[in-house]
Amino acid sequence: MIWEKGSQEKPLTVVTLDFPDADTAEFIGRLGCDGIAVDLEHGSPTAGELSSLARACAVAGVPLIGRIRCQEQSVVRCLDAGITVLQLTQVTGPADVDRVTDWAAFPPDGHRGIGRARANAFGHHPGGYPAFVDSVRSDGIALLVHVETVEAVTTVSEIASRPWVKALIVGAHDLAASAGHPGDPSHPDVRRLVEQATARIADGDKLLGLSASSHDEARRATHRGAGLLLLSQARMLSRALESVLTGTTEGTR
């Protein structure tokens, strides 16, 4: 998956599995999206379920992306399962990104430990430990950072300067809560924060990510400069069903 800004003719698309299942991941991956995300912030898949999702995405030829908070245990879980694209939520500044980088990088660059896991063929990686470490360094780890706190908006340029950061995703609903207006992303203060973050990211050299679970939302997000679209499995299903039940072409949710 190529994360460089301007390298794609159209925005990258990542579908979040609200109902994580390996067969569903493989099915959606084969439909042509660029990535599948599993939510470890609000969900708790087992190690086996996580590995199954990763294998299904590998079969479909798309990366599995782990949506996590900036916690060492979550980082290690994803990396051990072979997930090298991490979607970081509730980031407050560049220090959070630096901590994740430290947990994810092997010595001497960081403090990641080595163990027998799916990521290194359960201890039988060809060439052993040195080859495994070198392969991870060459393949790299990509960070997709949510800008959904007031603190993140004020430091968005510093966050974007971190080399592992490939995209910055503006989240209006969480930003509304952070700004003291929970449930009201249309509040003028929140709208100003969203526009401020969106403009700074769009003017930079990293991808701007925006939520878009319908054709109209995708069109608007692309018009605003989005190079990454986040699609929700549940929202797309509910809108498709509603359009059939009501005879409309666009849901209201």
C-alpha atoms as a PDB file:
ATOM      1  CA  MET A   1       0.000   0.000   0.000  1.00  0.00           C
ATOM      2  CA  ILE A   2       1.522   3.311  -1.123  1.00  0.00           C
ATOM      3  CA  TRP A   3       0.980   6.081   1.403  1.00  0.00           C
ATOM      4  CA  GLU A   4       2.859   8.902  -0.328  1.00  0.00           C
ATOM      5  CA  LYS A   5       0.695  11.927  -0.991  1.00  0.00           C
ATOM      6  CA  GLY A   6       0.019  12.454  -4.674  1.00  0.00           C
ATOM      7  CA  SER A   7       0.929   8.890  -5.653  1.00  0.00           C
ATOM      8  CA  GLN A   8      -2.698   7.841  -6.184  1.00  0.00           C
ATOM      9  CA  GLU A   9      -5.181   8.954  -8.830  1.00  0.00           C
ATOM     10  CA  LYS A  10      -7.998   8.694  -6.288  1.00  0.00           C
ATOM     11  CA  PRO A  11      -8.188   8.554  -2.476  1.00  0.00           C
ATOM     12  CA  LEU A  12      -7.254   5.376  -0.667  1.00  0.00           C
ATOM     13  CA  THR A  13     -10.217   3.614   0.945  1.00  0.00           C
ATOM     14  CA  VAL A  14     -10.142   1.815   4.295  1.00  0.00           C
ATOM     15  CA  VAL A  15     -13.202  -0.060   5.547  1.00  0.00           C
ATOM     16  CA  THR A  16     -13.622  -0.444   9.307  1.00  0.00           C
ATOM     17  CA  LEU A  17     -15.123  -3.800  10.255  1.00  0.00           C
ATOM     18  CA  ASP A  18     -17.795  -3.045  12.828  1.00  0.00           C
ATOM     19  CA  PHE A  19     -18.581  -6.787  12.806  1.00  0.00           C
ATOM     20  CA  PRO A  20     -15.090  -8.303  12.527  1.00  0.00           C
ATOM     21  CA  ASP A  21     -15.085 -11.666  10.808  1.00  0.00           C
ATOM     22  CA  ALA A  22     -12.412 -13.285   8.648  1.00  0.00           C
ATOM     23  CA  ASP A  23     -14.776 -14.208   5.807  1.00  0.00           C
ATOM     24  CA  THR A  24     -16.190 -10.685   5.759  1.00  0.00           C
ATOM     25  CA  ALA A  25     -12.687  -9.214   5.726  1.00  0.00           C
ATOM     26  CA  GLU A  26     -11.708 -11.357   2.757  1.00  0.00           C
ATOM     27  CA  PHE A  27     -14.964 -10.555   0.936  1.00  0.00           C
ATOM     28  CA  ILE A  28     -14.661  -6.784   1.398  1.00  0.00           C
ATOM     29  CA  GLY A  29     -10.956  -6.873   0.592  1.00  0.00           C
ATOM     30  CA  ARG A  30     -11.649  -8.550  -2.738  1.00  0.00           C
ATOM     31  CA  LEU A  31     -14.151  -5.803  -3.661  1.00  0.00           C
ATOM     32  CA  GLY A  32     -11.342  -3.352  -4.269  1.00  0.00           C
ATOM     33  CA  CYS A  33     -10.773  -1.345  -1.090  1.00  0.00           C
ATOM     34  CA  ASP A  34      -7.197  -0.489  -0.094  1.00  0.00           C
ATOM     35  CA  GLY A  35      -7.299  -1.650   3.514  1.00  0.00           C
ATOM     36  CA  ILE A  36      -9.389  -3.246   6.256  1.00  0.00           C
ATOM     37  CA  ALA A  37      -9.377  -1.856   9.795  1.00  0.00           C
ATOM     38  CA  VAL A  38     -10.183  -3.774  12.967  1.00  0.00           C
ATOM     39  CA  ASP A  39     -11.134  -1.760  16.044  1.00  0.00           C
ATOM     40  CA  LEU A  40      -9.124  -2.719  19.130  1.00  0.00           C
ATOM     41  CA  GLU A  41     -10.055   0.523  20.882  1.00  0.00           C
ATOM     42  CA  HIS A  42     -13.718  -0.403  21.345  1.00  0.00           C
ATOM     43  CA  GLY A  43     -13.462  -4.131  20.597  1.00  0.00           C
ATOM     44  CA  SER A  44     -11.357  -6.950  21.994  1.00  0.00           C
ATOM     45  CA  PRO A  45     -10.705  -9.677  19.418  1.00  0.00           C
ATOM     46  CA  THR A  46      -8.754 -12.659  20.686  1.00  0.00           C
ATOM     47  CA  ALA A  47      -5.251 -13.414  19.438  1.00  0.00           C
ATOM     48  CA  GLY A  48      -6.700 -16.153  17.231  1.00  0.00           C
ATOM     49  CA  GLU A  49      -9.358 -13.863  15.776  1.00  0.00           C
ATOM     50  CA  LEU A  50      -6.761 -11.191  15.063  1.00  0.00           C
ATOM     51  CA  SER A  51      -4.517 -13.687  13.280  1.00  0.00           C
ATOM     52  CA  SER A  52      -7.463 -14.999  11.265  1.00  0.00           C
ATOM     53  CA  LEU A  53      -8.351 -11.477  10.156  1.00  0.00           C
ATOM     54  CA  ALA A  54      -4.743 -10.839   9.150  1.00  0.00           C
ATOM     55  CA  ARG A  55      -4.630 -14.065   7.119  1.00  0.00           C
ATOM     56  CA  ALA A  56      -7.938 -13.256   5.409  1.00  0.00           C
ATOM     57  CA  CYS A  57      -6.657  -9.822   4.423  1.00  0.00           C
ATOM     58  CA  ALA A  58      -3.434 -11.370   3.125  1.00  0.00           C
ATOM     59  CA  VAL A  59      -5.502 -13.690   0.915  1.00  0.00           C
ATOM     60  CA  ALA A  60      -7.479 -10.697  -0.387  1.00  0.00           C
ATOM     61  CA  GLY A  61      -4.290  -8.743  -0.985  1.00  0.00           C
ATOM     62  CA  VAL A  62      -5.056  -5.833   1.363  1.00  0.00           C
ATOM     63  CA  PRO A  63      -3.396  -4.835   4.642  1.00  0.00           C
ATOM     64  CA  LEU A  64      -5.130  -5.277   7.970  1.00  0.00           C
ATOM     65  CA  ILE A  65      -4.998  -2.082  10.002  1.00  0.00           C
ATOM     66  CA  GLY A  66      -5.185  -2.048  13.794  1.00  0.00           C
ATOM     67  CA  ARG A  67      -7.159   0.815  15.306  1.00  0.00           C
ATOM     68  CA  ILE A  68      -5.708   1.267  18.800  1.00  0.00           C
ATOM     69  CA  ARG A  69      -5.047   3.730  21.572  1.00  0.00           C
ATOM     70  CA  CYS A  70      -1.425   4.657  22.223  1.00  0.00           C
ATOM     71  CA  GLN A  71      -0.816   1.803  24.643  1.00  0.00           C
ATOM     72  CA  GLU A  72       2.176  -0.525  24.547  1.00  0.00           C
ATOM     73  CA  GLN A  73       0.149  -3.721  24.953  1.00  0.00           C
ATOM     74  CA  SER A  74      -2.063  -2.824  21.991  1.00  0.00           C
ATOM     75  CA  VAL A  75       0.941  -1.986  19.824  1.00  0.00           C
ATOM     76  CA  VAL A  76       2.628  -5.292  20.676  1.00  0.00           C
ATOM     77  CA  ARG A  77      -0.574  -7.292  20.019  1.00  0.00           C
ATOM     78  CA  CYS A  78      -0.892  -5.875  16.527  1.00  0.00           C
ATOM     79  CA  LEU A  79       2.757  -6.223  15.609  1.00  0.00           C
ATOM     80  CA  ASP A  80       2.919  -9.816  16.854  1.00  0.00           C
ATOM     81  CA  ALA A  81      -0.100 -10.634  14.667  1.00  0.00           C
ATOM     82  CA  GLY A  82       1.728  -9.238  11.648  1.00  0.00           C
ATOM     83  CA  ILE A  83      -0.179  -5.950  11.516  1.00  0.00           C
ATOM     84  CA  THR A  84       2.211  -3.188  10.485  1.00  0.00           C
ATOM     85  CA  VAL A  85      -0.301  -0.366   9.884  1.00  0.00           C
ATOM     86  CA  LEU A  86      -1.528   1.174  13.130  1.00  0.00           C
ATOM     87  CA  GLN A  87      -4.415   3.635  13.353  1.00  0.00           C
ATOM     88  CA  LEU A  88      -3.801   5.683  16.501  1.00  0.00           C
ATOM     89  CA  THR A  89      -6.713   7.267  18.363  1.00  0.00           C
ATOM     90  CA  GLN A  90      -6.910   9.866  21.134  1.00  0.00           C
ATOM     91  CA  VAL A  91      -3.515  11.302  20.236  1.00  0.00           C
ATOM     92  CA  THR A  92      -2.741  14.512  22.108  1.00  0.00           C
ATOM     93  CA  GLY A  93       0.597  15.392  20.556  1.00  0.00           C
ATOM     94  CA  PRO A  94       3.858  14.203  19.007  1.00  0.00           C
ATOM     95  CA  ALA A  95       4.971  12.595  22.269  1.00  0.00           C
ATOM     96  CA  ASP A  96       2.257   9.953  21.862  1.00  0.00           C
ATOM     97  CA  VAL A  97       3.554   9.116  18.393  1.00  0.00           C
ATOM     98  CA  ASP A  98       7.127   8.959  19.683  1.00  0.00           C
ATOM     99  CA  ARG A  99       6.123   6.471  22.367  1.00  0.00           C
ATOM    100  CA  VAL A 100       4.430   4.219  19.811  1.00  0.00           C
ATOM    101  CA  THR A 101       7.527   4.401  17.612  1.00  0.00           C
ATOM    102  CA  ASP A 102       9.707   3.394  20.574  1.00  0.00           C
ATOM    103  CA  TRP A 103       7.457   0.408  21.385  1.00  0.00           C
ATOM    104  CA  ALA A 104       7.354  -0.665  17.736  1.00  0.00           C
ATOM    105  CA  ALA A 105      11.028  -0.350  16.796  1.00  0.00           C
ATOM    106  CA  PHE A 106      13.668  -2.943  17.604  1.00  0.00           C
ATOM    107  CA  PRO A 107      16.831  -1.970  19.476  1.00  0.00           C
ATOM    108  CA  PRO A 108      18.813   0.172  19.059  1.00  0.00           C
ATOM    109  CA  ASP A 109      16.016   2.310  17.585  1.00  0.00           C
ATOM    110  CA  GLY A 110      13.415   1.317  20.173  1.00  0.00           C
ATOM    111  CA  HIS A 111      12.506  -1.223  22.821  1.00  0.00           C
ATOM    112  CA  ARG A 112      10.441  -3.789  20.928  1.00  0.00           C
ATOM    113  CA  GLY A 113      10.995  -7.312  22.179  1.00  0.00           C
ATOM    114  CA  ILE A 114      11.228 -10.448  20.087  1.00  0.00           C
ATOM    115  CA  GLY A 115       8.976 -13.437  20.601  1.00  0.00           C
ATOM    116  CA  ARG A 116       7.449 -16.371  18.788  1.00  0.00           C
ATOM    117  CA  ALA A 117       4.431 -14.979  16.974  1.00  0.00           C
ATOM    118  CA  ARG A 118       2.745 -14.898  13.574  1.00  0.00           C
ATOM    119  CA  ALA A 119       4.852 -11.900  12.568  1.00  0.00           C
ATOM    120  CA  ASN A 120       8.063 -13.965  12.546  1.00  0.00           C
ATOM    121  CA  ALA A 121       6.605 -17.359  11.567  1.00  0.00           C
ATOM    122  CA  PHE A 122       6.401 -18.310  15.249  1.00  0.00           C
ATOM    123  CA  GLY A 123      10.150 -18.206  15.679  1.00  0.00           C
ATOM    124  CA  HIS A 124      11.103 -19.816  12.376  1.00  0.00           C
ATOM    125  CA  HIS A 125      11.686 -16.739  10.250  1.00  0.00           C
ATOM    126  CA  PRO A 126      14.225 -17.519   7.499  1.00  0.00           C
ATOM    127  CA  GLY A 127      17.585 -16.239   8.670  1.00  0.00           C
ATOM    128  CA  GLY A 128      16.460 -15.977  12.277  1.00  0.00           C
ATOM    129  CA  TYR A 129      16.238 -12.854  14.426  1.00  0.00           C
ATOM    130  CA  PRO A 130      18.607 -10.556  12.425  1.00  0.00           C
ATOM    131  CA  ALA A 131      16.768 -11.255   9.162  1.00  0.00           C
ATOM    132  CA  PHE A 132      13.383 -10.675  10.814  1.00  0.00           C
ATOM    133  CA  VAL A 133      14.480  -7.348  12.284  1.00  0.00           C
ATOM    134  CA  ASP A 134      15.937  -6.254   8.943  1.00  0.00           C
ATOM    135  CA  SER A 135      12.754  -7.224   7.106  1.00  0.00           C
ATOM    136  CA  VAL A 136      10.634  -5.121   9.461  1.00  0.00           C
ATOM    137  CA  ARG A 137      12.986  -2.165   9.075  1.00  0.00           C
ATOM    138  CA  SER A 138      12.880  -2.415   5.287  1.00  0.00           C
ATOM    139  CA  ASP A 139       9.112  -2.913   5.070  1.00  0.00           C
ATOM    140  CA  GLY A 140       8.446  -0.238   7.655  1.00  0.00           C
ATOM    141  CA  ILE A 141       5.531   0.490   9.934  1.00  0.00           C
ATOM    142  CA  ALA A 142       2.882   3.036   8.959  1.00  0.00           C
ATOM    143  CA  LEU A 143       0.991   5.181  11.465  1.00  0.00           C
ATOM    144  CA  LEU A 144      -2.390   6.714  10.686  1.00  0.00           C
ATOM    145  CA  VAL A 145      -3.002   9.314  13.378  1.00  0.00           C
ATOM    146  CA  HIS A 146      -6.428  10.534  14.425  1.00  0.00           C
ATOM    147  CA  VAL A 147      -6.625  14.263  15.034  1.00  0.00           C
ATOM    148  CA  GLU A 148      -9.571  14.239  17.410  1.00  0.00           C
ATOM    149  CA  THR A 149      -8.385  16.235  20.429  1.00  0.00           C
ATOM    150  CA  VAL A 150      -7.901  19.973  20.810  1.00  0.00           C
ATOM    151  CA  GLU A 151      -4.270  19.311  21.737  1.00  0.00           C
ATOM    152  CA  ALA A 152      -3.695  17.364  18.524  1.00  0.00           C
ATOM    153  CA  VAL A 153      -5.071  20.205  16.411  1.00  0.00           C
ATOM    154  CA  THR A 154      -2.596  22.660  17.951  1.00  0.00           C
ATOM    155  CA  THR A 155       0.353  20.309  17.356  1.00  0.00           C
ATOM    156  CA  VAL A 156      -0.752  18.748  14.060  1.00  0.00           C
ATOM    157  CA  SER A 157       2.282  20.018  12.149  1.00  0.00           C
ATOM    158  CA  GLU A 158       4.660  18.456  14.689  1.00  0.00           C
ATOM    159  CA  ILE A 159       2.728  15.178  14.568  1.00  0.00           C
ATOM    160  CA  ALA A 160       2.912  15.170  10.782  1.00  0.00           C
ATOM    161  CA  SER A 161       6.689  15.634  10.901  1.00  0.00           C
ATOM    162  CA  ARG A 162       7.224  12.171  12.409  1.00  0.00           C
ATOM    163  CA  PRO A 163       8.554   9.874   9.668  1.00  0.00           C
ATOM    164  CA  TRP A 164       6.298   6.893  10.436  1.00  0.00           C
ATOM    165  CA  VAL A 165       3.169   9.032  10.201  1.00  0.00           C
ATOM    166  CA  LYS A 166       1.590   8.526   6.784  1.00  0.00           C
ATOM    167  CA  ALA A 167      -1.854  10.071   7.247  1.00  0.00           C
ATOM    168  CA  LEU A 168      -3.739  12.284   9.677  1.00  0.00           C
ATOM    169  CA  ILE A 169      -7.448  11.620  10.121  1.00  0.00           C
ATOM    170  CA  VAL A 170      -9.708  14.409  11.355  1.00  0.00           C
ATOM    171  CA  GLY A 171     -12.487  13.090  13.599  1.00  0.00           C
ATOM    172  CA  ALA A 172     -15.246  15.655  14.122  1.00  0.00           C
ATOM    173  CA  HIS A 173     -17.299  13.767  16.727  1.00  0.00           C
ATOM    174  CA  ASP A 174     -14.406  13.040  19.101  1.00  0.00           C
ATOM    175  CA  LEU A 175     -13.091  16.533  18.510  1.00  0.00           C
ATOM    176  CA  ALA A 176     -16.473  17.900  19.571  1.00  0.00           C
ATOM    177  CA  ALA A 177     -16.227  16.006  22.855  1.00  0.00           C
ATOM    178  CA  SER A 178     -12.663  17.181  23.403  1.00  0.00           C
ATOM    179  CA  ALA A 179     -13.749  20.785  22.810  1.00  0.00           C
ATOM    180  CA  GLY A 180     -16.536  20.513  25.381  1.00  0.00           C
ATOM    181  CA  HIS A 181     -19.401  20.050  22.924  1.00  0.00           C
ATOM    182  CA  PRO A 182     -20.114  16.299  22.993  1.00  0.00           C
ATOM    183  CA  GLY A 183     -22.595  15.181  20.351  1.00  0.00           C
ATOM    184  CA  ASP A 184     -22.456  18.511  18.538  1.00  0.00           C
ATOM    185  CA  PRO A 185     -19.873  18.393  15.728  1.00  0.00           C
ATOM    186  CA  SER A 186     -21.680  21.255  13.993  1.00  0.00           C
ATOM    187  CA  HIS A 187     -20.961  23.681  16.860  1.00  0.00           C
ATOM    188  CA  PRO A 188     -19.092  26.742  15.548  1.00  0.00           C
ATOM    189  CA  ASP A 189     -16.091  26.093  17.830  1.00  0.00           C
ATOM    190  CA  VAL A 190     -15.833  22.516  16.608  1.00  0.00           C
ATOM    191  CA  ARG A 191     -16.233  23.496  12.969  1.00  0.00           C
ATOM    192  CA  ARG A 192     -13.377  25.982  13.351  1.00  0.00           C
ATOM    193  CA  LEU A 193     -11.149  23.293  14.843  1.00  0.00           C
ATOM    194  CA  VAL A 194     -12.027  20.856  12.074  1.00  0.00           C
ATOM    195  CA  GLU A 195     -11.328  23.420   9.369  1.00  0.00           C
ATOM    196  CA  GLN A 196      -8.085  24.434  11.050  1.00  0.00           C
ATOM    197  CA  ALA A 197      -6.858  20.847  11.238  1.00  0.00           C
ATOM    198  CA  THR A 198      -8.059  19.995   7.729  1.00  0.00           C
ATOM    199  CA  ALA A 199      -6.350  23.010   6.182  1.00  0.00           C
ATOM    200  CA  ARG A 200      -3.036  22.383   7.919  1.00  0.00           C
ATOM    201  CA  ILE A 201      -2.961  18.724   6.913  1.00  0.00           C
ATOM    202  CA  ALA A 202      -4.068  19.392   3.335  1.00  0.00           C
ATOM    203  CA  ASP A 203      -1.265  21.952   2.958  1.00  0.00           C
ATOM    204  CA  GLY A 204       1.337  19.468   4.231  1.00  0.00           C
ATOM    205  CA  ASP A 205       3.018  16.411   2.733  1.00  0.00           C
ATOM    206  CA  LYS A 206       0.961  13.750   4.527  1.00  0.00           C
ATOM    207  CA  LEU A 207      -2.398  12.313   3.521  1.00  0.00           C
ATOM    208  CA  LEU A 208      -5.557  13.905   4.916  1.00  0.00           C
ATOM    209  CA  GLY A 209      -8.033  11.318   6.132  1.00  0.00           C
ATOM    210  CA  LEU A 210     -11.770  11.934   6.472  1.00  0.00           C
ATOM    211  CA  SER A 211     -14.765   9.710   7.218  1.00  0.00           C
ATOM    212  CA  ALA A 212     -16.987   8.975   4.237  1.00  0.00           C
ATOM    213  CA  SER A 213     -19.475   6.111   4.142  1.00  0.00           C
ATOM    214  CA  SER A 214     -21.539   7.223   1.166  1.00  0.00           C
ATOM    215  CA  HIS A 215     -20.941   8.475  -2.357  1.00  0.00           C
ATOM    216  CA  ASP A 216     -21.873  12.060  -1.455  1.00  0.00           C
ATOM    217  CA  GLU A 217     -19.654  12.049   1.647  1.00  0.00           C
ATOM    218  CA  ALA A 218     -16.761  10.664  -0.392  1.00  0.00           C
ATOM    219  CA  ARG A 219     -17.237  13.355  -3.012  1.00  0.00           C
ATOM    220  CA  ARG A 220     -17.266  16.104  -0.382  1.00  0.00           C
ATOM    221  CA  ALA A 221     -14.232  14.666   1.407  1.00  0.00           C
ATOM    222  CA  THR A 222     -12.281  14.423  -1.834  1.00  0.00           C
ATOM    223  CA  HIS A 223     -13.208  18.021  -2.652  1.00  0.00           C
ATOM    224  CA  ARG A 224     -11.716  19.026   0.727  1.00  0.00           C
ATOM    225  CA  GLY A 225      -8.437  17.365  -0.199  1.00  0.00           C
ATOM    226  CA  ALA A 226      -8.805  13.951   1.427  1.00  0.00           C
ATOM    227  CA  GLY A 227      -6.349  11.350   0.207  1.00  0.00           C
ATOM    228  CA  LEU A 228      -7.703   8.692   2.565  1.00  0.00           C
ATOM    229  CA  LEU A 229     -11.356   7.814   3.115  1.00  0.00           C
ATOM    230  CA  LEU A 230     -12.535   5.884   6.179  1.00  0.00           C
ATOM    231  CA  LEU A 231     -15.661   3.838   5.517  1.00  0.00           C
ATOM    232  CA  SER A 232     -17.790   2.197   8.211  1.00  0.00           C
ATOM    233  CA  GLN A 233     -19.189  -1.269   7.553  1.00  0.00           C
ATOM    234  CA  ALA A 234     -22.204  -0.620   9.784  1.00  0.00           C
ATOM    235  CA  ARG A 235     -23.000   2.772   8.266  1.00  0.00           C
ATOM    236  CA  MET A 236     -22.786   1.463   4.721  1.00  0.00           C
ATOM    237  CA  LEU A 237     -25.048  -1.475   5.553  1.00  0.00           C
ATOM    238  CA  SER A 238     -27.614   0.692   7.315  1.00  0.00           C
ATOM    239  CA  ARG A 239     -27.703   3.231   4.493  1.00  0.00           C
ATOM    240  CA  ALA A 240     -28.013   0.562   1.814  1.00  0.00           C
ATOM    241  CA  LEU A 241     -30.867  -1.128   3.671  1.00  0.00           C
ATOM    242  CA  GLU A 242     -32.615   2.177   4.349  1.00  0.00           C
ATOM    243  CA  SER A 243     -32.413   3.148   0.681  1.00  0.00           C
ATOM    244  CA  VAL A 244     -34.156  -0.095  -0.255  1.00  0.00           C
ATOM    245  CA  LEU A 245     -36.789   0.152   2.474  1.00  0.00           C
ATOM    246  CA  THR A 246     -37.614   3.789   1.806  1.00  0.00           C
ATOM    247  CA  GLY A 247     -36.978   3.853  -1.928  1.00  0.00           C
ATOM    248  CA  THR A 248     -34.425   6.650  -1.545  1.00  0.00           C
ATOM    249  CA  THR A 249     -30.878   6.775  -2.859  1.00  0.00           C
ATOM    250  CA  GLU A 250     -29.328   8.256   0.254  1.00  0.00           C
ATOM    251  CA  GLY A 251     -29.881   7.367   3.905  1.00  0.00           C
ATOM    252  CA  THR A 252     -30.444   9.956   6.592  1.00  0.00           C
ATOM    253  CA  ARG A 253     -28.116   8.570   9.253  1.00  0.00           C
END
